[in-house]
Amino acid sequence: MISIFVESIGLLGPGLLGWEQARAVLRGETGYAWQDVPMTTPPILPPAERRRCIASARLSLTTAHEALQQAGGDAPRQLACVFSSSDGDSQVITQIMEGLAQEAPDVSPTRFANSVHNATAGYWSIATGMKQSSTCLSAYDDSFSAGLLEAAVQVADEGMDVLFTASDVKFQEPFFSLRPIAVDYSATLLVGRERSPSSLAALQLTLTERQAATAMPAWVPASFASNPAAHSLPLLAALADPRGQTVCLDYLEQTLQVKVTPC
């Protein structure tokens, strides 16, 4: 079992435009209403990089920046980072495949650089001047669970706070029929080893034998289930609940059990 504390949260998805707004929806205090995800880029990214920034990085940087602002906003150099994504940037992948399918194949160096799985970490380090390590990983549909577990292990082993962001962007044809991710979604948790006056909740993570995963909240549109990063919603609903609860998340052939105790 690993114990960590959640210090702040960032969230962006259809109808969930930031943690403060989403928390009321997750608690049932406000009804859910679909709103498209605005594709804005945080002002912390320099103008030249802002123009080149890809969709997946914009999503991730937006929620990472939100979580950082909630926590005070001025200490990114002291944070290790974990970024998880099932598929990276589907839009860039599609553009590269279209370029290769032409009679005279052509792929720009910029598109190739943006296609790698750690592109988001690169944009984040440029934006913040981050000096600590960054880890980028993928575990297909269980990428959120894998990223959360990686962040918790780093907190336990290194003793430093970790900014964990999970994000995936929707696919378009011709790849949508192969990987039908229908919505854009990103969530960030800033986690640490010690409880602070601003801690939101304590998490106890345990790997167990495979069991049924906790269901999405009933009001969540069915299209959310297609996005691996949105598998964070049962945990976020538990974090919004002042009573606390235990959440089960699929993790490869096992289950990641997370006990949530509000602070």
Protein backbone atom coordinates (compact mmCIF):
# COMPACT_ATOMS: atom_id res chain seq x y z
CA MET A 1 0.00 0.00 0.00
CA ILE A 2 1.19 3.51 -0.83
CA SER A 3 -0.19 6.60 0.89
CA ILE A 4 -0.13 10.05 -0.74
CA PHE A 5 -1.99 13.34 -0.42
CA VAL A 6 -3.77 15.27 -3.15
CA GLU A 7 -2.91 18.97 -3.00
CA SER A 8 -4.77 20.32 -6.04
CA ILE A 9 -6.64 19.23 -9.15
CA GLY A 10 -6.99 20.44 -12.73
CA LEU A 11 -9.72 19.17 -15.05
CA LEU A 12 -10.90 19.82 -18.59
CA GLY A 13 -13.46 17.90 -20.60
CA PRO A 14 -16.82 18.48 -22.28
CA GLY A 15 -18.99 20.31 -19.75
CA LEU A 16 -16.23 20.07 -17.11
CA LEU A 17 -14.36 23.32 -17.51
CA GLY A 18 -12.03 23.46 -14.54
CA TRP A 19 -12.06 21.78 -11.14
CA GLU A 20 -14.12 24.39 -9.30
CA GLN A 21 -16.99 24.18 -11.80
CA ALA A 22 -16.69 20.40 -12.18
CA ARG A 23 -16.64 19.72 -8.45
CA ALA A 24 -20.18 21.03 -8.07
CA VAL A 25 -21.29 18.77 -10.94
CA LEU A 26 -19.48 15.76 -9.46
CA ARG A 27 -21.19 16.37 -6.11
CA GLY A 28 -24.60 16.61 -7.75
CA GLU A 29 -25.05 20.22 -6.66
CA THR A 30 -25.22 21.40 -10.27
CA GLY A 31 -26.67 19.58 -13.26
CA TYR A 32 -24.37 18.49 -16.05
CA ALA A 33 -24.57 20.37 -19.36
CA TRP A 34 -22.46 19.55 -22.40
CA GLN A 35 -20.02 22.28 -23.49
CA ASP A 36 -17.29 21.80 -26.06
CA VAL A 37 -13.73 21.86 -24.76
CA PRO A 38 -12.09 25.22 -25.53
CA MET A 39 -8.72 24.69 -27.18
CA THR A 40 -6.83 27.47 -25.45
CA THR A 41 -3.16 27.43 -24.49
CA PRO A 42 -1.99 28.66 -21.05
CA PRO A 43 -0.20 32.02 -21.20
CA ILE A 44 2.82 30.50 -19.43
CA LEU A 45 3.91 29.07 -22.80
CA PRO A 46 6.03 31.54 -24.83
CA PRO A 47 4.25 32.97 -27.93
CA ALA A 48 6.41 31.09 -30.45
CA GLU A 49 5.72 27.74 -28.76
CA ARG A 50 2.06 28.65 -28.28
CA ARG A 51 1.65 28.87 -32.05
CA ARG A 52 3.23 25.45 -32.55
CA CYS A 53 1.55 23.77 -29.59
CA ILE A 54 -0.36 20.60 -30.44
CA ALA A 55 -3.83 19.66 -29.19
CA SER A 56 -2.67 17.06 -26.65
CA ALA A 57 -0.13 19.46 -25.13
CA ARG A 58 -2.70 22.27 -24.93
CA LEU A 59 -5.04 19.99 -23.00
CA SER A 60 -2.33 18.76 -20.64
CA LEU A 61 -0.78 22.16 -20.03
CA THR A 62 -4.18 23.69 -19.29
CA THR A 63 -5.00 21.26 -16.47
CA ALA A 64 -1.41 21.15 -15.18
CA HIS A 65 -1.38 24.93 -15.02
CA GLU A 66 -4.74 24.96 -13.21
CA ALA A 67 -3.48 22.52 -10.57
CA LEU A 68 -0.28 24.49 -10.16
CA GLN A 69 -2.18 27.76 -9.73
CA GLN A 70 -4.37 26.21 -7.05
CA ALA A 71 -1.25 25.15 -5.17
CA GLY A 72 0.37 28.59 -5.31
CA GLY A 73 1.77 28.48 -8.83
CA ASP A 74 5.40 29.43 -8.28
CA ALA A 75 7.32 26.19 -7.72
CA PRO A 76 7.34 24.11 -10.92
CA ARG A 77 11.11 23.61 -10.73
CA GLN A 78 10.68 21.58 -7.53
CA LEU A 79 8.08 19.24 -9.02
CA ALA A 80 8.66 15.96 -10.79
CA CYS A 81 6.09 15.32 -13.52
CA VAL A 82 4.30 12.26 -14.85
CA PHE A 83 2.36 12.49 -18.11
CA SER A 84 0.21 9.58 -19.25
CA SER A 85 -1.58 9.23 -22.57
CA SER A 86 -2.94 6.21 -24.33
CA ASP A 87 -2.21 7.41 -27.86
CA GLY A 88 -0.30 10.68 -27.78
CA ASP A 89 -1.53 13.28 -30.27
CA SER A 90 -3.91 11.63 -32.73
CA GLN A 91 -4.14 14.74 -34.90
CA VAL A 92 -0.39 14.82 -35.53
CA ILE A 93 -0.34 11.08 -36.18
CA THR A 94 -3.11 11.51 -38.78
CA GLN A 95 -1.24 14.37 -40.48
CA ILE A 96 1.95 12.30 -40.68
CA MET A 97 0.13 9.30 -42.13
CA GLU A 98 -1.56 11.54 -44.72
CA GLY A 99 1.84 12.97 -45.64
CA LEU A 100 3.33 9.51 -46.07
CA ALA A 101 0.38 8.41 -48.21
CA GLN A 102 1.04 11.09 -50.84
CA GLU A 103 2.66 10.28 -54.17
CA ALA A 104 5.69 12.22 -52.93
CA PRO A 105 5.79 11.39 -49.18
CA ASP A 106 6.68 14.34 -46.99
CA VAL A 107 6.81 14.75 -43.20
CA SER A 108 7.92 18.02 -41.66
CA PRO A 109 10.48 17.91 -38.82
CA THR A 110 8.07 19.86 -36.60
CA ARG A 111 5.31 17.30 -37.04
CA PHE A 112 7.73 14.47 -36.36
CA ALA A 113 8.96 16.18 -33.18
CA ASN A 114 5.36 16.65 -32.05
CA SER A 115 4.52 13.00 -32.69
CA VAL A 116 6.74 11.58 -29.97
CA HIS A 117 5.11 10.57 -26.70
CA ASN A 118 7.09 13.02 -24.56
CA ALA A 119 6.21 16.11 -26.64
CA THR A 120 3.92 17.39 -23.87
CA ALA A 121 6.72 17.16 -21.30
CA GLY A 122 8.88 19.21 -23.65
CA TYR A 123 6.30 21.97 -23.92
CA TRP A 124 5.79 21.93 -20.15
CA SER A 125 9.52 22.25 -19.44
CA ILE A 126 9.76 25.17 -21.89
CA ALA A 127 6.76 26.86 -20.24
CA THR A 128 7.92 26.43 -16.63
CA GLY A 129 11.68 25.99 -16.72
CA MET A 130 11.15 22.68 -14.93
CA LYS A 131 14.43 21.15 -13.73
CA GLN A 132 13.16 17.93 -12.16
CA SER A 133 12.52 14.65 -13.97
CA SER A 134 9.54 13.97 -16.20
CA THR A 135 8.09 10.56 -17.03
CA CYS A 136 5.84 9.91 -20.02
CA LEU A 137 4.02 6.60 -20.25
CA SER A 138 1.24 4.71 -21.98
CA ALA A 139 -0.75 1.66 -20.91
CA TYR A 140 -3.52 1.74 -23.52
CA ASP A 141 -6.94 1.94 -21.83
CA ASP A 142 -5.37 1.75 -18.35
CA SER A 143 -3.03 4.71 -18.87
CA PHE A 144 -4.63 6.77 -16.08
CA SER A 145 -4.14 4.00 -13.51
CA ALA A 146 -0.56 3.43 -14.67
CA GLY A 147 0.24 7.13 -14.41
CA LEU A 148 -1.32 7.48 -10.97
CA LEU A 149 0.61 4.48 -9.68
CA GLU A 150 3.86 5.81 -11.18
CA ALA A 151 3.30 9.19 -9.53
CA ALA A 152 2.57 7.56 -6.17
CA VAL A 153 5.71 5.41 -6.38
CA GLN A 154 7.83 8.47 -7.16
CA VAL A 155 6.33 10.33 -4.20
CA ALA A 156 7.07 7.39 -1.89
CA ASP A 157 10.60 6.78 -3.22
CA GLU A 158 11.84 10.32 -3.82
CA GLY A 159 9.87 12.23 -1.20
CA MET A 160 9.04 15.09 -3.57
CA ASP A 161 5.73 16.34 -4.88
CA VAL A 162 4.66 15.05 -8.30
CA LEU A 163 2.41 16.68 -10.86
CA PHE A 164 0.51 13.90 -12.64
CA THR A 165 -1.43 14.63 -15.82
CA ALA A 166 -3.48 12.21 -17.91
CA SER A 167 -4.88 13.32 -21.26
CA ASP A 168 -6.15 11.97 -24.55
CA VAL A 169 -7.55 13.76 -27.58
CA LYS A 170 -10.27 12.49 -29.88
CA PHE A 171 -9.50 10.65 -33.09
CA GLN A 172 -10.80 11.53 -36.53
CA GLU A 173 -11.28 9.28 -39.54
CA PRO A 174 -9.73 7.19 -40.92
CA PHE A 175 -8.38 6.17 -37.50
CA PHE A 176 -11.56 6.76 -35.50
CA SER A 177 -12.99 3.44 -36.71
CA LEU A 178 -9.89 1.74 -35.25
CA ARG A 179 -9.58 3.83 -32.07
CA PRO A 180 -12.98 5.48 -31.39
CA ILE A 181 -11.96 8.11 -28.82
CA ALA A 182 -14.79 10.61 -29.15
CA VAL A 183 -13.96 13.42 -26.69
CA ASP A 184 -11.00 15.50 -25.52
CA TYR A 185 -10.21 15.14 -21.83
CA SER A 186 -7.41 15.89 -19.36
CA ALA A 187 -7.02 15.65 -15.59
CA THR A 188 -4.12 16.66 -13.33
CA LEU A 189 -3.42 15.73 -9.71
CA LEU A 190 -0.69 17.38 -7.68
CA VAL A 191 0.28 14.80 -5.07
CA GLY A 192 2.76 14.66 -2.20
CA ARG A 193 3.90 12.51 0.72
CA GLU A 194 3.06 14.83 3.61
CA ARG A 195 -0.27 16.32 4.56
CA SER A 196 -0.35 20.11 4.29
CA PRO A 197 -2.94 22.69 5.39
CA SER A 198 -4.21 22.78 1.80
CA SER A 199 -4.42 19.01 1.23
CA LEU A 200 -7.73 17.93 -0.30
CA ALA A 201 -7.62 14.22 0.48
CA ALA A 202 -5.45 11.27 1.43
CA LEU A 203 -5.17 8.40 -1.04
CA GLN A 204 -4.19 4.84 -0.14
CA LEU A 205 -3.29 2.84 -3.26
CA THR A 206 -3.25 -0.94 -3.28
CA LEU A 207 -2.87 -3.42 -6.14
CA THR A 208 -5.34 -6.29 -5.81
CA GLU A 209 -6.62 -9.18 -7.84
CA ARG A 210 -8.88 -8.17 -10.72
CA GLN A 211 -12.35 -7.00 -9.68
CA ALA A 212 -15.08 -4.89 -11.20
CA ALA A 213 -14.05 -1.27 -11.79
CA THR A 214 -16.05 1.51 -10.17
CA ALA A 215 -18.67 2.76 -12.60
CA MET A 216 -18.71 6.23 -14.07
CA PRO A 217 -21.16 8.65 -12.43
CA ALA A 218 -24.61 8.07 -13.92
CA TRP A 219 -24.82 11.50 -15.55
CA VAL A 220 -21.58 11.13 -17.53
CA PRO A 221 -22.26 10.90 -21.31
CA ALA A 222 -21.46 7.49 -22.78
CA SER A 223 -18.87 9.07 -25.11
CA PHE A 224 -16.57 9.76 -22.13
CA ALA A 225 -15.94 6.04 -21.67
CA SER A 226 -14.05 6.00 -24.99
CA ASN A 227 -11.33 8.29 -23.60
CA PRO A 228 -8.80 6.45 -21.38
CA ALA A 229 -7.92 9.62 -19.43
CA ALA A 230 -11.62 10.03 -18.55
CA HIS A 231 -11.41 6.78 -16.60
CA SER A 232 -10.24 9.14 -13.85
CA LEU A 233 -13.81 10.37 -13.32
CA PRO A 234 -14.79 7.81 -10.64
CA LEU A 235 -11.75 8.88 -8.61
CA LEU A 236 -12.47 12.56 -9.17
CA ALA A 237 -16.07 12.01 -8.07
CA ALA A 238 -14.74 10.42 -4.88
CA LEU A 239 -12.40 13.38 -4.35
CA ALA A 240 -15.37 15.74 -4.70
CA ASP A 241 -17.40 13.72 -2.18
CA PRO A 242 -16.92 14.97 1.40
CA ARG A 243 -17.78 11.50 2.76
CA GLY A 244 -14.87 9.67 1.13
CA GLN A 245 -15.04 6.26 -0.54
CA THR A 246 -12.98 3.51 -2.14
CA VAL A 247 -12.58 3.40 -5.92
CA CYS A 248 -11.47 0.48 -8.08
CA LEU A 249 -9.61 1.23 -11.33
CA ASP A 250 -8.63 -1.27 -14.00
CA TYR A 251 -4.87 -1.78 -14.19
CA LEU A 252 -3.72 -4.34 -16.75
CA GLU A 253 -4.58 -7.77 -15.28
CA GLN A 254 -5.08 -6.33 -11.80
CA THR A 255 -7.11 -3.66 -10.02
CA LEU A 256 -5.75 -0.46 -8.53
CA GLN A 257 -7.81 0.11 -5.39
CA VAL A 258 -7.78 3.71 -4.14
CA LYS A 259 -9.19 4.60 -0.73
CA VAL A 260 -10.10 8.31 -0.62
CA THR A 261 -10.23 10.04 2.77
CA PRO A 262 -11.07 13.77 2.66
CA CYS A 263 -8.79 16.03 4.67
